[in-house]
């Protein structure tokens, strides 16, 4: 439920950062632009933006309603082979 500053470094982090911005819960800074002043400015803007804070809390509630990390782990474990060459099911 906390807005974030995303500073992607590689691979899927760029896509994840863009998605967080699209969802309205983050501010993205490229590595070259992530100076102390830029980070301070981004942080100040994030904590002063009631819409971003509300959206972060909304997404937090939605994630918890889906079962959170426990449910995610259960779903992933269901995809693992069950020892008989088939995947278990949730």
PDB file of N, CA and C in Angstrom:
ATOM      1  N   UNK A   1       0.796  -1.202   0.000  1.00  0.00           N
ATOM      2  CA  UNK A   1       0.000   0.000   0.000  1.00  0.00           C
ATOM      3  C   UNK A   1       0.834   1.260   0.000  1.00  0.00           C
ATOM      4  N   UNK A   2       2.095   1.166  -0.412  1.00  0.00           N
ATOM      5  CA  UNK A   2       2.980   2.333  -0.396  1.00  0.00           C
ATOM      6  C   UNK A   2       3.440   2.643  -1.817  1.00  0.00           C
ATOM      7  N   UNK A   3       3.256   3.892  -2.281  1.00  0.00           N
ATOM      8  CA  UNK A   3       3.767   4.246  -3.611  1.00  0.00           C
ATOM      9  C   UNK A   3       5.274   4.010  -3.671  1.00  0.00           C
ATOM     10  N   UNK A   4       5.785   3.778  -4.871  1.00  0.00           N
ATOM     11  CA  UNK A   4       7.209   3.459  -4.976  1.00  0.00           C
ATOM     12  C   UNK A   4       7.904   4.255  -6.071  1.00  0.00           C
ATOM     13  N   UNK A   5       9.206   4.343  -5.918  1.00  0.00           N
ATOM     14  CA  UNK A   5      10.073   4.898  -6.948  1.00  0.00           C
ATOM     15  C   UNK A   5      10.770   3.710  -7.580  1.00  0.00           C
ATOM     16  N   UNK A   6      10.558   3.528  -8.872  1.00  0.00           N
ATOM     17  CA  UNK A   6      11.162   2.405  -9.589  1.00  0.00           C
ATOM     18  C   UNK A   6      12.365   2.909 -10.376  1.00  0.00           C
ATOM     19  N   UNK A   7      13.508   2.276 -10.141  1.00  0.00           N
ATOM     20  CA  UNK A   7      14.733   2.584 -10.873  1.00  0.00           C
ATOM     21  C   UNK A   7      15.196   1.267 -11.495  1.00  0.00           C
ATOM     22  N   UNK A   8      14.630   0.924 -12.654  1.00  0.00           N
ATOM     23  CA  UNK A   8      14.948  -0.375 -13.257  1.00  0.00           C
ATOM     24  C   UNK A   8      16.403  -0.464 -13.685  1.00  0.00           C
ATOM     25  N   UNK A   9      16.967  -1.667 -13.501  1.00  0.00           N
ATOM     26  CA  UNK A   9      18.369  -1.916 -13.832  1.00  0.00           C
ATOM     27  C   UNK A   9      18.534  -2.834 -15.033  1.00  0.00           C
ATOM     28  N   UNK A  10      17.582  -3.713 -15.270  1.00  0.00           N
ATOM     29  CA  UNK A  10      17.726  -4.631 -16.392  1.00  0.00           C
ATOM     30  C   UNK A  10      16.551  -5.571 -16.526  1.00  0.00           C
ATOM     31  N   UNK A  11      16.574  -6.313 -17.618  1.00  0.00           N
ATOM     32  CA  UNK A  11      15.592  -7.362 -17.926  1.00  0.00           C
ATOM     33  C   UNK A  11      14.162  -6.867 -17.740  1.00  0.00           C
ATOM     34  N   UNK A  12      13.367  -7.632 -16.994  1.00  0.00           N
ATOM     35  CA  UNK A  12      11.944  -7.331 -16.864  1.00  0.00           C
ATOM     36  C   UNK A  12      11.663  -6.136 -15.959  1.00  0.00           C
ATOM     37  N   UNK A  13      12.663  -5.605 -15.296  1.00  0.00           N
ATOM     38  CA  UNK A  13      12.440  -4.475 -14.394  1.00  0.00           C
ATOM     39  C   UNK A  13      11.898  -3.255 -15.128  1.00  0.00           C
ATOM     40  N   UNK A  14      12.289  -3.070 -16.374  1.00  0.00           N
ATOM     41  CA  UNK A  14      11.795  -1.928 -17.142  1.00  0.00           C
ATOM     42  C   UNK A  14      10.294  -2.065 -17.385  1.00  0.00           C
ATOM     43  N   UNK A  15       9.869  -3.256 -17.778  1.00  0.00           N
ATOM     44  CA  UNK A  15       8.453  -3.512 -18.011  1.00  0.00           C
ATOM     45  C   UNK A  15       7.667  -3.381 -16.701  1.00  0.00           C
ATOM     46  N   UNK A  16       8.217  -3.923 -15.619  1.00  0.00           N
ATOM     47  CA  UNK A  16       7.543  -3.832 -14.324  1.00  0.00           C
ATOM     48  C   UNK A  16       7.407  -2.380 -13.875  1.00  0.00           C
ATOM     49  N   UNK A  17       8.454  -1.599 -14.053  1.00  0.00           N
ATOM     50  CA  UNK A  17       8.410  -0.185 -13.675  1.00  0.00           C
ATOM     51  C   UNK A  17       7.349   0.548 -14.479  1.00  0.00           C
ATOM     52  N   UNK A  18       7.300   0.290 -15.774  1.00  0.00           N
ATOM     53  CA  UNK A  18       6.294   0.937 -16.616  1.00  0.00           C
ATOM     54  C   UNK A  18       4.886   0.542 -16.193  1.00  0.00           C
ATOM     55  N   UNK A  19       4.692  -0.718 -15.830  1.00  0.00           N
ATOM     56  CA  UNK A  19       3.374  -1.189 -15.390  1.00  0.00           C
ATOM     57  C   UNK A  19       2.972  -0.519 -14.085  1.00  0.00           C
ATOM     58  N   UNK A  20       3.912  -0.372 -13.157  1.00  0.00           N
ATOM     59  CA  UNK A  20       3.613   0.300 -11.894  1.00  0.00           C
ATOM     60  C   UNK A  20       3.202   1.750 -12.126  1.00  0.00           C
ATOM     61  N   UNK A  21       3.878   2.412 -13.052  1.00  0.00           N
ATOM     62  CA  UNK A  21       3.510   3.788 -13.402  1.00  0.00           C
ATOM     63  C   UNK A  21       2.110   3.801 -14.009  1.00  0.00           C
ATOM     64  N   UNK A  22       1.862   2.866 -14.924  1.00  0.00           N
ATOM     65  CA  UNK A  22       0.549   2.762 -15.573  1.00  0.00           C
ATOM     66  C   UNK A  22      -0.566   2.526 -14.544  1.00  0.00           C
ATOM     67  N   UNK A  23      -0.271   1.737 -13.519  1.00  0.00           N
ATOM     68  CA  UNK A  23      -1.248   1.463 -12.468  1.00  0.00           C
ATOM     69  C   UNK A  23      -1.448   2.649 -11.530  1.00  0.00           C
ATOM     70  N   UNK A  24      -0.580   3.641 -11.641  1.00  0.00           N
ATOM     71  CA  UNK A  24      -0.725   4.838 -10.831  1.00  0.00           C
ATOM     72  C   UNK A  24      -0.146   4.737  -9.439  1.00  0.00           C
ATOM     73  N   UNK A  25       0.835   3.846  -9.248  1.00  0.00           N
ATOM     74  CA  UNK A  25       1.395   3.658  -7.908  1.00  0.00           C
ATOM     75  C   UNK A  25       2.895   3.922  -7.834  1.00  0.00           C
ATOM     76  N   UNK A  26       3.481   4.403  -8.914  1.00  0.00           N
ATOM     77  CA  UNK A  26       4.937   4.571  -8.909  1.00  0.00           C
ATOM     78  C   UNK A  26       5.366   5.726  -9.793  1.00  0.00           C
ATOM     79  N   UNK A  27       6.586   6.089  -9.562  1.00  0.00           N
ATOM     80  CA  UNK A  27       7.293   7.049 -10.398  1.00  0.00           C
ATOM     81  C   UNK A  27       8.546   6.340 -10.880  1.00  0.00           C
ATOM     82  N   UNK A  28       8.816   6.380 -12.182  1.00  0.00           N
ATOM     83  CA  UNK A  28       9.995   5.704 -12.741  1.00  0.00           C
ATOM     84  C   UNK A  28      11.099   6.723 -12.992  1.00  0.00           C
ATOM     85  N   UNK A  29      12.297   6.348 -12.576  1.00  0.00           N
ATOM     86  CA  UNK A  29      13.494   7.125 -12.885  1.00  0.00           C
ATOM     87  C   UNK A  29      14.495   6.184 -13.537  1.00  0.00           C
ATOM     88  N   UNK A  30      15.063   6.608 -14.638  1.00  0.00           N
ATOM     89  CA  UNK A  30      16.128   5.821 -15.242  1.00  0.00           C
ATOM     90  C   UNK A  30      17.382   5.970 -14.384  1.00  0.00           C
ATOM     91  N   UNK A  31      18.238   4.985 -14.433  1.00  0.00           N
ATOM     92  CA  UNK A  31      19.427   4.957 -13.584  1.00  0.00           C
ATOM     93  C   UNK A  31      20.249   6.236 -13.705  1.00  0.00           C
ATOM     94  N   UNK A  32      20.458   6.690 -14.915  1.00  0.00           N
ATOM     95  CA  UNK A  32      21.272   7.893 -15.128  1.00  0.00           C
ATOM     96  C   UNK A  32      20.638   9.134 -14.509  1.00  0.00           C
ATOM     97  N   UNK A  33      19.315   9.104 -14.342  1.00  0.00           N
ATOM     98  CA  UNK A  33      18.600  10.260 -13.794  1.00  0.00           C
ATOM     99  C   UNK A  33      18.357  10.157 -12.291  1.00  0.00           C
ATOM    100  N   UNK A  34      18.733   9.048 -11.675  1.00  0.00           N
ATOM    101  CA  UNK A  34      18.426   8.797 -10.266  1.00  0.00           C
ATOM    102  C   UNK A  34      19.452   9.450  -9.346  1.00  0.00           C
ATOM    103  N   UNK A  35      19.539  10.751  -9.436  1.00  0.00           N
ATOM    104  CA  UNK A  35      20.428  11.514  -8.557  1.00  0.00           C
ATOM    105  C   UNK A  35      19.752  11.700  -7.199  1.00  0.00           C
ATOM    106  N   UNK A  36      20.508  12.052  -6.183  1.00  0.00           N
ATOM    107  CA  UNK A  36      19.871  12.307  -4.885  1.00  0.00           C
ATOM    108  C   UNK A  36      18.745  13.338  -4.980  1.00  0.00           C
ATOM    109  N   UNK A  37      18.965  14.398  -5.740  1.00  0.00           N
ATOM    110  CA  UNK A  37      17.932  15.430  -5.875  1.00  0.00           C
ATOM    111  C   UNK A  37      16.701  14.889  -6.600  1.00  0.00           C
ATOM    112  N   UNK A  38      16.901  14.111  -7.665  1.00  0.00           N
ATOM    113  CA  UNK A  38      15.767  13.545  -8.405  1.00  0.00           C
ATOM    114  C   UNK A  38      14.984  12.569  -7.534  1.00  0.00           C
ATOM    115  N   UNK A  39      15.688  11.766  -6.751  1.00  0.00           N
ATOM    116  CA  UNK A  39      15.014  10.834  -5.842  1.00  0.00           C
ATOM    117  C   UNK A  39      14.238  11.583  -4.767  1.00  0.00           C
ATOM    118  N   UNK A  40      14.835  12.638  -4.235  1.00  0.00           N
ATOM    119  CA  UNK A  40      14.169  13.452  -3.218  1.00  0.00           C
ATOM    120  C   UNK A  40      12.901  14.083  -3.787  1.00  0.00           C
ATOM    121  N   UNK A  41      13.002  14.622  -4.995  1.00  0.00           N
ATOM    122  CA  UNK A  41      11.843  15.239  -5.642  1.00  0.00           C
ATOM    123  C   UNK A  41      10.749  14.207  -5.893  1.00  0.00           C
ATOM    124  N   UNK A  42      11.132  13.050  -6.419  1.00  0.00           N
ATOM    125  CA  UNK A  42      10.154  11.995  -6.693  1.00  0.00           C
ATOM    126  C   UNK A  42       9.467  11.550  -5.403  1.00  0.00           C
ATOM    127  N   UNK A  43      10.236  11.384  -4.343  1.00  0.00           N
ATOM    128  CA  UNK A  43       9.675  10.968  -3.063  1.00  0.00           C
ATOM    129  C   UNK A  43       8.699  12.013  -2.526  1.00  0.00           C
ATOM    130  N   UNK A  44       9.097  13.262  -2.587  1.00  0.00           N
ATOM    131  CA  UNK A  44       8.239  14.342  -2.111  1.00  0.00           C
ATOM    132  C   UNK A  44       6.923  14.365  -2.876  1.00  0.00           C
ATOM    133  N   UNK A  45       7.001  14.194  -4.195  1.00  0.00           N
ATOM    134  CA  UNK A  45       5.789  14.183  -5.016  1.00  0.00           C
ATOM    135  C   UNK A  45       4.909  12.982  -4.690  1.00  0.00           C
ATOM    136  N   UNK A  46       5.526  11.821  -4.497  1.00  0.00           N
ATOM    137  CA  UNK A  46       4.752  10.611  -4.215  1.00  0.00           C
ATOM    138  C   UNK A  46       3.991  10.704  -2.899  1.00  0.00           C
ATOM    139  N   UNK A  47       4.662  11.130  -1.848  1.00  0.00           N
ATOM    140  CA  UNK A  47       4.009  11.150  -0.537  1.00  0.00           C
ATOM    141  C   UNK A  47       2.984  12.278  -0.416  1.00  0.00           C
ATOM    142  N   UNK A  48       3.027  13.235  -1.336  1.00  0.00           N
ATOM    143  CA  UNK A  48       2.072  14.340  -1.313  1.00  0.00           C
ATOM    144  C   UNK A  48       0.906  14.120  -2.272  1.00  0.00           C
ATOM    145  N   UNK A  49       0.885  12.992  -2.960  1.00  0.00           N
ATOM    146  CA  UNK A  49      -0.141  12.729  -3.970  1.00  0.00           C
ATOM    147  C   UNK A  49      -1.202  11.781  -3.408  1.00  0.00           C
ATOM    148  N   UNK A  50      -2.338  12.320  -2.964  1.00  0.00           N
ATOM    149  CA  UNK A  50      -3.356  11.463  -2.355  1.00  0.00           C
ATOM    150  C   UNK A  50      -3.922  10.416  -3.316  1.00  0.00           C
ATOM    151  N   UNK A  51      -3.953  10.715  -4.600  1.00  0.00           N
ATOM    152  CA  UNK A  51      -4.460   9.735  -5.570  1.00  0.00           C
ATOM    153  C   UNK A  51      -3.541   8.519  -5.660  1.00  0.00           C
ATOM    154  N   UNK A  52      -2.233   8.739  -5.687  1.00  0.00           N
ATOM    155  CA  UNK A  52      -1.293   7.607  -5.727  1.00  0.00           C
ATOM    156  C   UNK A  52      -1.359   6.790  -4.450  1.00  0.00           C
ATOM    157  N   UNK A  53      -1.474   7.466  -3.336  1.00  0.00           N
ATOM    158  CA  UNK A  53      -1.565   6.762  -2.057  1.00  0.00           C
ATOM    159  C   UNK A  53      -2.838   5.920  -2.016  1.00  0.00           C
ATOM    160  N   UNK A  54      -3.954   6.500  -2.440  1.00  0.00           N
ATOM    161  CA  UNK A  54      -5.222   5.762  -2.455  1.00  0.00           C
ATOM    162  C   UNK A  54      -5.153   4.581  -3.414  1.00  0.00           C
ATOM    163  N   UNK A  55      -4.557   4.783  -4.568  1.00  0.00           N
ATOM    164  CA  UNK A  55      -4.446   3.697  -5.547  1.00  0.00           C
ATOM    165  C   UNK A  55      -3.553   2.577  -5.002  1.00  0.00           C
ATOM    166  N   UNK A  56      -2.478   2.931  -4.326  1.00  0.00           N
ATOM    167  CA  UNK A  56      -1.599   1.928  -3.722  1.00  0.00           C
ATOM    168  C   UNK A  56      -2.356   1.103  -2.693  1.00  0.00           C
ATOM    169  N   UNK A  57      -3.150   1.755  -1.886  1.00  0.00           N
ATOM    170  CA  UNK A  57      -3.925   1.038  -0.868  1.00  0.00           C
ATOM    171  C   UNK A  57      -4.990   0.154  -1.513  1.00  0.00           C
ATOM    172  N   UNK A  58      -5.593   0.661  -2.591  1.00  0.00           N
ATOM    173  CA  UNK A  58      -6.601  -0.124  -3.312  1.00  0.00           C
ATOM    174  C   UNK A  58      -5.989  -1.412  -3.868  1.00  0.00           C
ATOM    175  N   UNK A  59      -4.816  -1.293  -4.484  1.00  0.00           N
ATOM    176  CA  UNK A  59      -4.153  -2.478  -5.031  1.00  0.00           C
ATOM    177  C   UNK A  59      -3.702  -3.424  -3.921  1.00  0.00           C
ATOM    178  N   UNK A  60      -3.295  -2.876  -2.793  1.00  0.00           N
ATOM    179  CA  UNK A  60      -2.915  -3.711  -1.655  1.00  0.00           C
ATOM    180  C   UNK A  60      -4.108  -4.539  -1.186  1.00  0.00           C
ATOM    181  N   UNK A  61      -5.270  -3.906  -1.062  1.00  0.00           N
ATOM    182  CA  UNK A  61      -6.473  -4.633  -0.639  1.00  0.00           C
ATOM    183  C   UNK A  61      -6.838  -5.715  -1.649  1.00  0.00           C
ATOM    184  N   UNK A  62      -6.730  -5.396  -2.934  1.00  0.00           N
ATOM    185  CA  UNK A  62      -7.054  -6.374  -3.979  1.00  0.00           C
ATOM    186  C   UNK A  62      -6.111  -7.571  -3.915  1.00  0.00           C
ATOM    187  N   UNK A  63      -4.826  -7.317  -3.705  1.00  0.00           N
ATOM    188  CA  UNK A  63      -3.851  -8.410  -3.615  1.00  0.00           C
ATOM    189  C   UNK A  63      -4.133  -9.287  -2.396  1.00  0.00           C
ATOM    190  N   UNK A  64      -4.463  -8.664  -1.290  1.00  0.00           N
ATOM    191  CA  UNK A  64      -4.779  -9.441  -0.086  1.00  0.00           C
ATOM    192  C   UNK A  64      -6.039 -10.278  -0.287  1.00  0.00           C
ATOM    193  N   UNK A  65      -7.017  -9.728  -0.990  1.00  0.00           N
ATOM    194  CA  UNK A  65      -8.264 -10.456  -1.244  1.00  0.00           C
ATOM    195  C   UNK A  65      -8.018 -11.692  -2.107  1.00  0.00           C
ATOM    196  N   UNK A  66      -6.974 -11.651  -2.909  1.00  0.00           N
ATOM    197  CA  UNK A  66      -6.631 -12.793  -3.765  1.00  0.00           C
ATOM    198  C   UNK A  66      -5.806 -13.841  -3.028  1.00  0.00           C
ATOM    199  N   UNK A  67      -5.468 -13.577  -1.792  1.00  0.00           N
ATOM    200  CA  UNK A  67      -4.709 -14.549  -1.015  1.00  0.00           C
ATOM    201  C   UNK A  67      -3.252 -14.185  -0.830  1.00  0.00           C
ATOM    202  N   UNK A  68      -2.814 -13.099  -1.423  1.00  0.00           N
ATOM    203  CA  UNK A  68      -1.456 -12.621  -1.222  1.00  0.00           C
ATOM    204  C   UNK A  68      -0.377 -13.608  -1.628  1.00  0.00           C
ATOM    205  N   UNK A  69       0.741 -13.544  -0.942  1.00  0.00           N
ATOM    206  CA  UNK A  69       1.888 -14.383  -1.299  1.00  0.00           C
ATOM    207  C   UNK A  69       1.620 -15.862  -1.052  1.00  0.00           C
ATOM    208  N   UNK A  70       0.800 -16.170  -0.062  1.00  0.00           N
ATOM    209  CA  UNK A  70       0.480 -17.581   0.206  1.00  0.00           C
ATOM    210  C   UNK A  70      -0.242 -18.180  -1.001  1.00  0.00           C
ATOM    211  N   UNK A  71      -1.207 -17.471  -1.539  1.00  0.00           N
ATOM    212  CA  UNK A  71      -1.952 -17.960  -2.707  1.00  0.00           C
ATOM    213  C   UNK A  71      -1.031 -18.056  -3.916  1.00  0.00           C
ATOM    214  N   UNK A  72      -0.156 -17.065  -4.098  1.00  0.00           N
ATOM    215  CA  UNK A  72       0.791 -17.104  -5.222  1.00  0.00           C
ATOM    216  C   UNK A  72       1.688 -18.335  -5.115  1.00  0.00           C
ATOM    217  N   UNK A  73       2.172 -18.629  -3.916  1.00  0.00           N
ATOM    218  CA  UNK A  73       3.020 -19.813  -3.723  1.00  0.00           C
ATOM    219  C   UNK A  73       2.237 -21.088  -4.017  1.00  0.00           C
ATOM    220  N   UNK A  74       0.986 -21.141  -3.575  1.00  0.00           N
ATOM    221  CA  UNK A  74       0.156 -22.319  -3.853  1.00  0.00           C
ATOM    222  C   UNK A  74      -0.026 -22.520  -5.356  1.00  0.00           C
ATOM    223  N   UNK A  75      -0.266 -21.438  -6.076  1.00  0.00           N
ATOM    224  CA  UNK A  75      -0.450 -21.540  -7.525  1.00  0.00           C
ATOM    225  C   UNK A  75       0.824 -22.023  -8.215  1.00  0.00           C
ATOM    226  N   UNK A  76       1.968 -21.505  -7.785  1.00  0.00           N
ATOM    227  CA  UNK A  76       3.236 -21.942  -8.372  1.00  0.00           C
ATOM    228  C   UNK A  76       3.525 -23.403  -8.048  1.00  0.00           C
ATOM    229  N   UNK A  77       3.275 -23.795  -6.808  1.00  0.00           N
ATOM    230  CA  UNK A  77       3.508 -25.188  -6.428  1.00  0.00           C
ATOM    231  C   UNK A  77       2.603 -26.138  -7.204  1.00  0.00           C
ATOM    232  N   UNK A  78       1.424 -25.669  -7.557  1.00  0.00           N
ATOM    233  CA  UNK A  78       0.498 -26.505  -8.318  1.00  0.00           C
ATOM    234  C   UNK A  78       1.026 -26.805  -9.714  1.00  0.00           C
ATOM    235  N   UNK A  79       1.934 -26.000 -10.190  1.00  0.00           N
ATOM    236  CA  UNK A  79       2.508 -26.212 -11.516  1.00  0.00           C
ATOM    237  C   UNK A  79       3.695 -27.162 -11.504  1.00  0.00           C
ATOM    238  N   UNK A  80       4.204 -27.474 -10.321  1.00  0.00           N
ATOM    239  CA  UNK A  80       5.358 -28.364 -10.212  1.00  0.00           C
ATOM    240  C   UNK A  80       4.937 -29.809 -10.445  1.00  0.00           C
ATOM    241  N   UNK A  81       5.817 -30.593 -11.047  1.00  0.00           N
ATOM    242  CA  UNK A  81       5.496 -32.015 -11.225  1.00  0.00           C
ATOM    243  C   UNK A  81       5.224 -32.672  -9.874  1.00  0.00           C
ATOM    244  N   UNK A  82       4.282 -33.602  -9.865  1.00  0.00           N
ATOM    245  CA  UNK A  82       3.924 -34.270  -8.614  1.00  0.00           C
ATOM    246  C   UNK A  82       4.689 -35.570  -8.383  1.00  0.00           C
ATOM    247  N   UNK A  83       5.727 -35.787  -9.183  1.00  0.00           N
ATOM    248  CA  UNK A  83       6.516 -36.996  -9.038  1.00  0.00           C
ATOM    249  C   UNK A  83       6.075 -38.097  -9.983  1.00  0.00           C
ATOM    250  N   UNK A  84       4.954 -37.889 -10.655  1.00  0.00           N
ATOM    251  CA  UNK A  84       4.454 -38.885 -11.599  1.00  0.00           C
ATOM    252  C   UNK A  84       4.429 -38.342 -13.024  1.00  0.00           C
ATOM    253  N   UNK A  85       5.130 -37.244 -13.225  1.00  0.00           N
ATOM    254  CA  UNK A  85       5.204 -36.673 -14.564  1.00  0.00           C
ATOM    255  C   UNK A  85       4.026 -35.795 -14.932  1.00  0.00           C
ATOM    256  N   UNK A  86       3.136 -35.534 -13.985  1.00  0.00           N
ATOM    257  CA  UNK A  86       2.018 -34.632 -14.247  1.00  0.00           C
ATOM    258  C   UNK A  86       2.081 -33.495 -13.249  1.00  0.00           C
ATOM    259  N   UNK A  87       1.446 -32.416 -13.579  1.00  0.00           N
ATOM    260  CA  UNK A  87       1.429 -31.274 -12.674  1.00  0.00           C
ATOM    261  C   UNK A  87       0.272 -31.428 -11.698  1.00  0.00           C
ATOM    262  N   UNK A  88       0.526 -31.059 -10.460  1.00  0.00           N
ATOM    263  CA  UNK A  88      -0.544 -31.060  -9.464  1.00  0.00           C
ATOM    264  C   UNK A  88      -1.516 -29.935  -9.800  1.00  0.00           C
ATOM    265  N   UNK A  89      -2.680 -29.959  -9.273  1.00  0.00           N
ATOM    266  CA  UNK A  89      -3.684 -28.921  -9.520  1.00  0.00           C
ATOM    267  C   UNK A  89      -4.128 -28.300  -8.203  1.00  0.00           C
ATOM    268  N   UNK A  90      -4.457 -27.010  -8.267  1.00  0.00           N
ATOM    269  CA  UNK A  90      -4.943 -26.300  -7.077  1.00  0.00           C
ATOM    270  C   UNK A  90      -6.405 -26.620  -6.881  1.00  0.00           C
TER     271      UNK A  90
END
